[in-house]
């Protein structure tokens, strides 16, 4: 069974596997924001997003940055790039909401935000290529994620509000898949055997 880096989560090691931490930070924050984007949580958008900002700083961003640094120390290029990059994504997103809400900067132009989200989609698309050598679960996370980014970008680029709703539902699936991967890796590591399946890599 492969983890986010393609290595076995239950292989003997002198250090802990940081991937479940990063996956949990990413997955939990993604589920919360995506539920809002999908319209599943009622309320004023400003007060709803006020929940996302500190969560993105404290868990979505910080947990992934810690995981990325630890992946670097383990010599894992993919894990380091993925976790630090998406940790920085959450910091970028939350900083944008925070500074706009505080009145420090003007609200960004929707098409500029759409461009940024589209570029995150491009980044995720080329990171997805590497996941063909990882577990099927991780492959699924990245597949759903790059589609999610492009759907959300479409909403800000003027392709209709339905894109944001679709992106919200896709983001929910992405976050749930990431949480499942975190659950599987930490459970398998604890039991020291494959208890929760993650699927074999598509390319060996």
Protein backbone atom coordinates (compact mmCIF):
# COMPACT_ATOMS: atom_id res chain seq x y z
CA UNK A 1 0.00 0.00 0.00
CA UNK A 2 1.40 3.37 -0.96
CA UNK A 3 1.10 6.61 0.95
CA UNK A 4 1.05 10.13 -0.50
CA UNK A 5 4.67 9.72 -1.46
CA UNK A 6 4.29 6.28 -2.98
CA UNK A 7 6.03 4.61 -0.01
CA UNK A 8 4.48 2.09 2.35
CA UNK A 9 3.00 3.74 5.47
CA UNK A 10 3.79 0.67 7.55
CA UNK A 11 7.40 0.17 6.45
CA UNK A 12 9.89 0.20 9.34
CA UNK A 13 11.17 3.74 9.88
CA UNK A 14 12.92 5.71 12.59
CA UNK A 15 10.66 8.68 11.89
CA UNK A 16 6.89 9.09 11.74
CA UNK A 17 5.05 9.51 8.46
CA UNK A 18 4.00 13.20 8.18
CA UNK A 19 1.57 12.62 5.28
CA UNK A 20 -1.54 11.88 7.43
CA UNK A 21 -1.09 15.24 9.19
CA UNK A 22 -0.86 17.14 5.92
CA UNK A 23 -3.77 15.26 4.40
CA UNK A 24 -5.91 15.94 7.46
CA UNK A 25 -5.13 19.67 7.39
CA UNK A 26 -5.91 19.86 3.70
CA UNK A 27 -8.98 17.62 3.78
CA UNK A 28 -10.74 19.13 6.79
CA UNK A 29 -10.29 22.73 5.63
CA UNK A 30 -11.35 21.84 2.09
CA UNK A 31 -14.56 20.20 3.33
CA UNK A 32 -15.53 23.25 5.38
CA UNK A 33 -14.91 25.77 2.58
CA UNK A 34 -16.48 23.52 -0.07
CA UNK A 35 -19.66 23.09 1.98
CA UNK A 36 -19.96 26.88 1.95
CA UNK A 37 -19.22 27.12 -1.78
CA UNK A 38 -21.80 24.43 -2.51
CA UNK A 39 -24.44 26.35 -0.56
CA UNK A 40 -24.91 23.60 2.00
CA UNK A 41 -24.37 25.96 4.94
CA UNK A 42 -26.85 28.81 5.26
CA UNK A 43 -25.91 32.26 6.46
CA UNK A 44 -24.16 35.46 5.43
CA UNK A 45 -21.11 34.70 3.27
CA UNK A 46 -18.89 37.09 5.23
CA UNK A 47 -19.63 35.46 8.59
CA UNK A 48 -19.34 31.98 7.11
CA UNK A 49 -15.94 32.72 5.61
CA UNK A 50 -14.85 34.14 8.97
CA UNK A 51 -14.71 30.51 10.10
CA UNK A 52 -12.52 29.52 7.16
CA UNK A 53 -9.82 32.18 7.67
CA UNK A 54 -8.48 31.05 11.08
CA UNK A 55 -8.99 27.40 10.17
CA UNK A 56 -6.96 27.88 6.99
CA UNK A 57 -4.16 29.55 8.95
CA UNK A 58 -4.10 27.18 11.89
CA UNK A 59 -4.71 23.81 10.25
CA UNK A 60 -5.03 23.96 6.48
CA UNK A 61 -1.87 26.03 6.17
CA UNK A 62 0.24 25.28 9.24
CA UNK A 63 -0.32 21.51 9.30
CA UNK A 64 0.64 21.16 5.66
CA UNK A 65 3.71 23.36 6.04
CA UNK A 66 4.88 21.20 8.95
CA UNK A 67 4.22 18.06 6.91
CA UNK A 68 6.08 19.49 3.93
CA UNK A 69 9.15 20.35 6.01
CA UNK A 70 9.14 16.87 7.51
CA UNK A 71 8.79 15.32 4.04
CA UNK A 72 11.86 17.30 3.00
CA UNK A 73 13.84 15.82 5.88
CA UNK A 74 12.78 12.36 4.67
CA UNK A 75 14.03 13.11 1.15
CA UNK A 76 10.53 13.05 -0.33
CA UNK A 77 10.35 15.57 -3.19
CA UNK A 78 6.69 15.02 -4.08
CA UNK A 79 5.45 15.24 -0.49
CA UNK A 80 7.55 18.34 0.18
CA UNK A 81 6.31 20.17 -2.92
CA UNK A 82 2.67 19.15 -2.48
CA UNK A 83 2.23 19.88 1.22
CA UNK A 84 4.19 23.15 1.33
CA UNK A 85 2.48 24.41 -1.84
CA UNK A 86 -1.08 23.70 -0.68
CA UNK A 87 -0.21 25.01 2.77
CA UNK A 88 0.82 28.26 1.10
CA UNK A 89 -2.39 28.17 -0.93
CA UNK A 90 -4.44 28.25 2.26
CA UNK A 91 -2.34 31.07 3.64
CA UNK A 92 -2.78 33.04 0.40
CA UNK A 93 -6.53 32.49 0.41
CA UNK A 94 -7.00 33.34 4.07
CA UNK A 95 -4.71 36.38 3.86
CA UNK A 96 -6.75 37.65 0.92
CA UNK A 97 -10.02 37.31 2.85
CA UNK A 98 -8.51 38.75 6.02
CA UNK A 99 -6.93 41.84 4.49
CA UNK A 100 -10.01 42.61 2.39
CA UNK A 101 -12.31 42.16 5.38
CA UNK A 102 -10.10 44.43 7.49
CA UNK A 103 -10.19 47.09 4.79
CA UNK A 104 -6.42 46.99 4.25
CA UNK A 105 -6.72 46.26 0.54
CA UNK A 106 -9.51 46.61 -2.00
CA UNK A 107 -11.50 43.49 -2.97
CA UNK A 108 -9.66 41.69 -5.78
CA UNK A 109 -11.10 41.63 -9.28
CA UNK A 110 -12.98 38.34 -9.82
CA UNK A 111 -11.17 37.62 -13.09
CA UNK A 112 -7.81 37.99 -11.30
CA UNK A 113 -8.92 35.52 -8.63
CA UNK A 114 -10.13 33.23 -11.41
CA UNK A 115 -6.74 33.41 -13.08
CA UNK A 116 -5.01 32.52 -9.81
CA UNK A 117 -7.35 29.55 -9.27
CA UNK A 118 -6.80 28.41 -12.86
CA UNK A 119 -3.04 28.46 -12.30
CA UNK A 120 -3.51 26.38 -9.16
CA UNK A 121 -5.44 24.01 -11.40
CA UNK A 122 -2.48 23.84 -13.78
CA UNK A 123 -0.10 23.18 -10.89
CA UNK A 124 -2.35 20.44 -9.52
CA UNK A 125 -2.71 18.90 -12.97
CA UNK A 126 1.02 18.41 -13.37
CA UNK A 127 1.34 17.19 -9.78
CA UNK A 128 -1.40 14.66 -10.59
CA UNK A 129 0.88 13.06 -13.18
CA UNK A 130 3.24 11.94 -10.39
CA UNK A 131 0.39 10.35 -8.44
CA UNK A 132 0.07 7.61 -11.04
CA UNK A 133 2.94 6.04 -9.06
CA UNK A 134 1.19 6.62 -5.71
CA UNK A 135 -1.86 4.90 -4.25
CA UNK A 136 -5.19 5.00 -6.07
CA UNK A 137 -6.63 7.11 -3.25
CA UNK A 138 -3.98 9.80 -3.63
CA UNK A 139 -4.44 9.68 -7.40
CA UNK A 140 -8.15 10.30 -6.86
CA UNK A 141 -7.51 13.24 -4.50
CA UNK A 142 -5.39 15.04 -7.09
CA UNK A 143 -7.75 14.19 -9.95
CA UNK A 144 -10.69 15.71 -8.09
CA UNK A 145 -8.60 18.67 -6.95
CA UNK A 146 -7.46 19.91 -10.35
CA UNK A 147 -11.01 19.62 -11.66
CA UNK A 148 -12.23 21.54 -8.59
CA UNK A 149 -9.78 24.39 -9.18
CA UNK A 150 -10.83 24.77 -12.81
CA UNK A 151 -14.52 24.71 -11.86
CA UNK A 152 -14.02 27.43 -9.23
CA UNK A 153 -11.91 29.44 -11.66
CA UNK A 154 -14.74 29.25 -14.18
CA UNK A 155 -17.09 30.89 -11.71
CA UNK A 156 -14.76 33.87 -11.19
CA UNK A 157 -13.94 34.12 -14.89
CA UNK A 158 -17.57 34.69 -15.80
CA UNK A 159 -18.79 31.24 -16.79
CA UNK A 160 -21.69 31.38 -14.34
CA UNK A 161 -22.33 30.97 -10.63
CA UNK A 162 -23.12 27.30 -11.21
CA UNK A 163 -19.38 26.72 -11.63
CA UNK A 164 -18.80 27.73 -8.02
CA UNK A 165 -21.55 25.40 -6.82
CA UNK A 166 -20.14 22.53 -8.88
CA UNK A 167 -16.68 23.39 -7.58
CA UNK A 168 -18.07 23.26 -4.05
CA UNK A 169 -19.42 19.76 -4.49
CA UNK A 170 -16.23 18.59 -6.19
CA UNK A 171 -14.25 20.15 -3.35
CA UNK A 172 -16.33 18.19 -0.85
CA UNK A 173 -15.42 14.96 -2.63
CA UNK A 174 -11.77 16.06 -2.72
CA UNK A 175 -11.68 16.84 0.99
CA UNK A 176 -13.43 13.60 1.91
CA UNK A 177 -10.96 11.62 -0.22
CA UNK A 178 -8.04 13.38 1.50
CA UNK A 179 -9.49 12.66 4.95
CA UNK A 180 -9.95 9.03 3.96
CA UNK A 181 -6.30 8.87 2.90
CA UNK A 182 -5.24 10.41 6.23
CA UNK A 183 -7.44 7.96 8.14
CA UNK A 184 -6.05 5.01 6.19
CA UNK A 185 -2.41 5.97 6.62
CA UNK A 186 -2.55 6.73 10.34
CA UNK A 187 -4.67 3.63 11.04
CA UNK A 188 -2.42 1.32 9.04
CA UNK A 189 0.66 2.77 10.70
CA UNK A 190 -0.87 2.28 14.15
CA UNK A 191 -1.96 -1.31 13.51
CA UNK A 192 1.27 -2.02 11.59
CA UNK A 193 -0.68 -3.74 8.83
CA UNK A 194 -3.04 -2.88 6.00
CA UNK A 195 -6.38 -2.34 7.73
CA UNK A 196 -7.81 0.40 5.49
CA UNK A 197 -7.23 -0.07 1.73
CA UNK A 198 -5.86 2.78 -0.40
CA UNK A 199 -5.60 0.94 -3.72
CA UNK A 200 -2.63 0.02 -5.83
CA UNK A 201 -0.79 2.55 -8.04
CA UNK A 202 -2.00 2.78 -11.62
CA UNK A 203 1.60 2.74 -12.85
CA UNK A 204 4.25 0.54 -11.28
